[in-house]
Amino acid sequence: MLRLLLAAAALTVVGLPMAASGSPIQPQLNAKVTSRAISLTNTNGQRVRMLDQRSYRVVVKDSSKAQNFHLVGPGVNLKTRVFETSSRSWIVGLSPGTYVYKSDKNAKLRGTFSVTSSPPPA
């Protein structure tokens, strides 16, 4: 029985993409803020609408001194500052629920996405 459990654990670890350091690789999301637009896309450039529950690297490029990027959802409240441009990288654990990304200075600059429970391992 112990051998079976160890074999299953090894297969689970082998199935995850790993960094050179041996830690799991987080998928990347790209956030962009300009004076007139805000977006959150995956590495293929597609707008994020639904994600699986897990940790993600969120890379923010805030090129506007008039706006900011603010990510809010279950257990998450991260933002860049208004009145300065910046680049940030956050590792964010996303739980099931609805998330909003927005500018705190312009209510029209916003988007949402949902996070669903990850399917059980096969």
C-alpha atoms as a PDB file:
ATOM      1  CA  MET A   1       0.000   0.000   0.000  1.00  0.00           C
ATOM      2  CA  LEU A   2       2.822   2.391   0.904  1.00  0.00           C
ATOM      3  CA  ARG A   3       4.539   1.682  -2.433  1.00  0.00           C
ATOM      4  CA  LEU A   4       1.306   2.491  -4.269  1.00  0.00           C
ATOM      5  CA  LEU A   5       0.974   5.821  -2.424  1.00  0.00           C
ATOM      6  CA  LEU A   6       4.605   6.722  -3.107  1.00  0.00           C
ATOM      7  CA  ALA A   7       4.203   5.855  -6.799  1.00  0.00           C
ATOM      8  CA  ALA A   8       1.064   8.013  -7.040  1.00  0.00           C
ATOM      9  CA  ALA A   9       2.844  10.908  -5.313  1.00  0.00           C
ATOM     10  CA  ALA A  10       5.802  10.597  -7.694  1.00  0.00           C
ATOM     11  CA  LEU A  11       3.498  10.650 -10.720  1.00  0.00           C
ATOM     12  CA  THR A  12       1.733  13.737  -9.375  1.00  0.00           C
ATOM     13  CA  VAL A  13       5.037  15.580  -8.917  1.00  0.00           C
ATOM     14  CA  VAL A  14       6.322  14.468 -12.328  1.00  0.00           C
ATOM     15  CA  GLY A  15       3.140  15.834 -13.943  1.00  0.00           C
ATOM     16  CA  LEU A  16       3.739  19.393 -12.709  1.00  0.00           C
ATOM     17  CA  PRO A  17       6.022  21.707 -14.679  1.00  0.00           C
ATOM     18  CA  MET A  18       8.994  22.539 -12.512  1.00  0.00           C
ATOM     19  CA  ALA A  19      11.447  25.418 -12.454  1.00  0.00           C
ATOM     20  CA  ALA A  20      15.178  24.751 -12.240  1.00  0.00           C
ATOM     21  CA  SER A  21      14.859  25.366  -8.486  1.00  0.00           C
ATOM     22  CA  GLY A  22      12.451  22.417  -8.205  1.00  0.00           C
ATOM     23  CA  SER A  23       9.392  24.541  -7.402  1.00  0.00           C
ATOM     24  CA  PRO A  24       6.223  24.420  -9.555  1.00  0.00           C
ATOM     25  CA  ILE A  25       6.066  27.022 -12.335  1.00  0.00           C
ATOM     26  CA  GLN A  26       3.262  29.558 -11.985  1.00  0.00           C
ATOM     27  CA  PRO A  27       1.378  30.440 -15.166  1.00  0.00           C
ATOM     28  CA  GLN A  28       1.773  34.112 -16.050  1.00  0.00           C
ATOM     29  CA  LEU A  29      -0.961  36.710 -16.440  1.00  0.00           C
ATOM     30  CA  ASN A  30      -0.157  40.102 -17.959  1.00  0.00           C
ATOM     31  CA  ALA A  31      -1.839  43.262 -16.714  1.00  0.00           C
ATOM     32  CA  LYS A  32      -1.542  46.512 -18.641  1.00  0.00           C
ATOM     33  CA  VAL A  33      -2.713  49.979 -17.647  1.00  0.00           C
ATOM     34  CA  THR A  34      -2.686  53.097 -19.815  1.00  0.00           C
ATOM     35  CA  SER A  35      -4.490  56.395 -19.330  1.00  0.00           C
ATOM     36  CA  ARG A  36      -7.418  55.029 -21.388  1.00  0.00           C
ATOM     37  CA  ALA A  37      -7.431  51.252 -20.954  1.00  0.00           C
ATOM     38  CA  ILE A  38      -6.882  48.382 -18.550  1.00  0.00           C
ATOM     39  CA  SER A  39      -6.452  44.714 -19.432  1.00  0.00           C
ATOM     40  CA  LEU A  40      -5.543  41.315 -18.047  1.00  0.00           C
ATOM     41  CA  THR A  41      -4.402  38.705 -20.567  1.00  0.00           C
ATOM     42  CA  ASN A  42      -2.809  35.275 -20.608  1.00  0.00           C
ATOM     43  CA  THR A  43       0.544  34.594 -22.280  1.00  0.00           C
ATOM     44  CA  ASN A  44      -1.256  34.134 -25.630  1.00  0.00           C
ATOM     45  CA  GLY A  45      -2.618  37.678 -25.403  1.00  0.00           C
ATOM     46  CA  GLN A  46      -6.212  36.538 -24.824  1.00  0.00           C
ATOM     47  CA  ARG A  47      -8.370  38.365 -22.284  1.00  0.00           C
ATOM     48  CA  VAL A  48      -8.681  36.442 -19.016  1.00  0.00           C
ATOM     49  CA  ARG A  49     -12.293  35.389 -18.393  1.00  0.00           C
ATOM     50  CA  MET A  50     -11.991  32.134 -16.427  1.00  0.00           C
ATOM     51  CA  LEU A  51      -9.095  30.497 -14.581  1.00  0.00           C
ATOM     52  CA  ASP A  52      -8.502  27.369 -12.527  1.00  0.00           C
ATOM     53  CA  GLN A  53      -7.789  27.710  -8.813  1.00  0.00           C
ATOM     54  CA  ARG A  54      -4.003  27.889  -8.293  1.00  0.00           C
ATOM     55  CA  SER A  55      -1.118  30.363  -7.990  1.00  0.00           C
ATOM     56  CA  TYR A  56      -0.338  32.711 -10.860  1.00  0.00           C
ATOM     57  CA  ARG A  57       2.414  35.224 -11.543  1.00  0.00           C
ATOM     58  CA  VAL A  58       0.716  38.542 -12.335  1.00  0.00           C
ATOM     59  CA  VAL A  59       3.040  40.906 -14.212  1.00  0.00           C
ATOM     60  CA  VAL A  60       1.737  44.479 -14.168  1.00  0.00           C
ATOM     61  CA  LYS A  61       2.901  47.198 -16.588  1.00  0.00           C
ATOM     62  CA  ASP A  62       1.335  50.435 -15.359  1.00  0.00           C
ATOM     63  CA  SER A  63       2.336  53.189 -17.783  1.00  0.00           C
ATOM     64  CA  SER A  64      -0.170  55.793 -16.545  1.00  0.00           C
ATOM     65  CA  LYS A  65       0.322  58.387 -13.848  1.00  0.00           C
ATOM     66  CA  ALA A  66      -3.454  59.065 -13.919  1.00  0.00           C
ATOM     67  CA  GLN A  67      -4.642  55.442 -13.348  1.00  0.00           C
ATOM     68  CA  ASN A  68      -3.614  52.352 -11.405  1.00  0.00           C
ATOM     69  CA  PHE A  69      -4.152  48.580 -11.479  1.00  0.00           C
ATOM     70  CA  HIS A  70      -6.182  47.205  -8.559  1.00  0.00           C
ATOM     71  CA  LEU A  71      -6.937  43.459  -8.294  1.00  0.00           C
ATOM     72  CA  VAL A  72      -9.667  42.507  -5.794  1.00  0.00           C
ATOM     73  CA  GLY A  73     -11.252  39.136  -5.049  1.00  0.00           C
ATOM     74  CA  PRO A  74     -11.436  36.375  -2.439  1.00  0.00           C
ATOM     75  CA  GLY A  75      -8.363  36.912  -0.253  1.00  0.00           C
ATOM     76  CA  VAL A  76      -6.724  39.295  -2.762  1.00  0.00           C
ATOM     77  CA  ASN A  77      -6.379  43.089  -2.636  1.00  0.00           C
ATOM     78  CA  LEU A  78      -3.302  44.240  -4.580  1.00  0.00           C
ATOM     79  CA  LYS A  79      -2.718  47.511  -6.394  1.00  0.00           C
ATOM     80  CA  THR A  80      -0.214  49.842  -7.954  1.00  0.00           C
ATOM     81  CA  ARG A  81      -0.105  53.517  -7.006  1.00  0.00           C
ATOM     82  CA  VAL A  82      -1.897  56.320  -8.768  1.00  0.00           C
ATOM     83  CA  PHE A  83       0.373  59.214  -9.846  1.00  0.00           C
ATOM     84  CA  GLU A  84       3.338  56.982 -10.717  1.00  0.00           C
ATOM     85  CA  THR A  85       4.223  54.495 -13.415  1.00  0.00           C
ATOM     86  CA  SER A  86       5.496  51.108 -12.347  1.00  0.00           C
ATOM     87  CA  SER A  87       6.129  47.494 -13.197  1.00  0.00           C
ATOM     88  CA  ARG A  88       5.240  44.874 -10.628  1.00  0.00           C
ATOM     89  CA  SER A  89       5.257  41.099 -10.381  1.00  0.00           C
ATOM     90  CA  TRP A  90       3.049  39.358  -7.826  1.00  0.00           C
ATOM     91  CA  ILE A  91       2.581  35.671  -7.060  1.00  0.00           C
ATOM     92  CA  VAL A  92      -1.140  35.437  -6.307  1.00  0.00           C
ATOM     93  CA  GLY A  93      -3.047  32.409  -5.036  1.00  0.00           C
ATOM     94  CA  LEU A  94      -6.488  32.577  -6.641  1.00  0.00           C
ATOM     95  CA  SER A  95      -9.429  30.859  -4.929  1.00  0.00           C
ATOM     96  CA  PRO A  96     -12.845  30.108  -6.443  1.00  0.00           C
ATOM     97  CA  GLY A  97     -14.948  33.234  -6.926  1.00  0.00           C
ATOM     98  CA  THR A  98     -15.169  36.445  -8.934  1.00  0.00           C
ATOM     99  CA  TYR A  99     -12.267  38.872  -9.236  1.00  0.00           C
ATOM    100  CA  VAL A 100     -12.296  42.481 -10.399  1.00  0.00           C
ATOM    101  CA  TYR A 101      -9.370  44.398 -11.872  1.00  0.00           C
ATOM    102  CA  LYS A 102      -9.903  48.122 -12.096  1.00  0.00           C
ATOM    103  CA  SER A 103      -8.542  51.624 -11.858  1.00  0.00           C
ATOM    104  CA  ASP A 104      -9.377  53.406  -8.636  1.00  0.00           C
ATOM    105  CA  LYS A 105      -9.545  56.722 -10.544  1.00  0.00           C
ATOM    106  CA  ASN A 106     -11.861  55.787 -13.437  1.00  0.00           C
ATOM    107  CA  ALA A 107     -14.884  53.518 -12.862  1.00  0.00           C
ATOM    108  CA  LYS A 108     -15.074  52.754 -16.614  1.00  0.00           C
ATOM    109  CA  LEU A 109     -11.657  51.065 -16.567  1.00  0.00           C
ATOM    110  CA  ARG A 110     -12.478  47.633 -15.159  1.00  0.00           C
ATOM    111  CA  GLY A 111     -12.834  43.980 -15.967  1.00  0.00           C
ATOM    112  CA  THR A 112     -13.800  40.760 -14.219  1.00  0.00           C
ATOM    113  CA  PHE A 113     -12.912  37.086 -14.336  1.00  0.00           C
ATOM    114  CA  SER A 114     -13.974  33.946 -12.496  1.00  0.00           C
ATOM    115  CA  VAL A 115     -11.885  31.296 -10.791  1.00  0.00           C
ATOM    116  CA  THR A 116     -13.225  27.748 -10.579  1.00  0.00           C
ATOM    117  CA  SER A 117     -12.150  24.832  -8.418  1.00  0.00           C
ATOM    118  CA  SER A 118      -9.436  22.795 -10.050  1.00  0.00           C
ATOM    119  CA  PRO A 119     -10.613  19.399 -11.248  1.00  0.00           C
ATOM    120  CA  PRO A 120      -9.364  16.498  -9.111  1.00  0.00           C
ATOM    121  CA  PRO A 121      -6.173  14.833 -10.375  1.00  0.00           C
ATOM    122  CA  ALA A 122      -6.808  11.934 -12.757  1.00  0.00           C
END
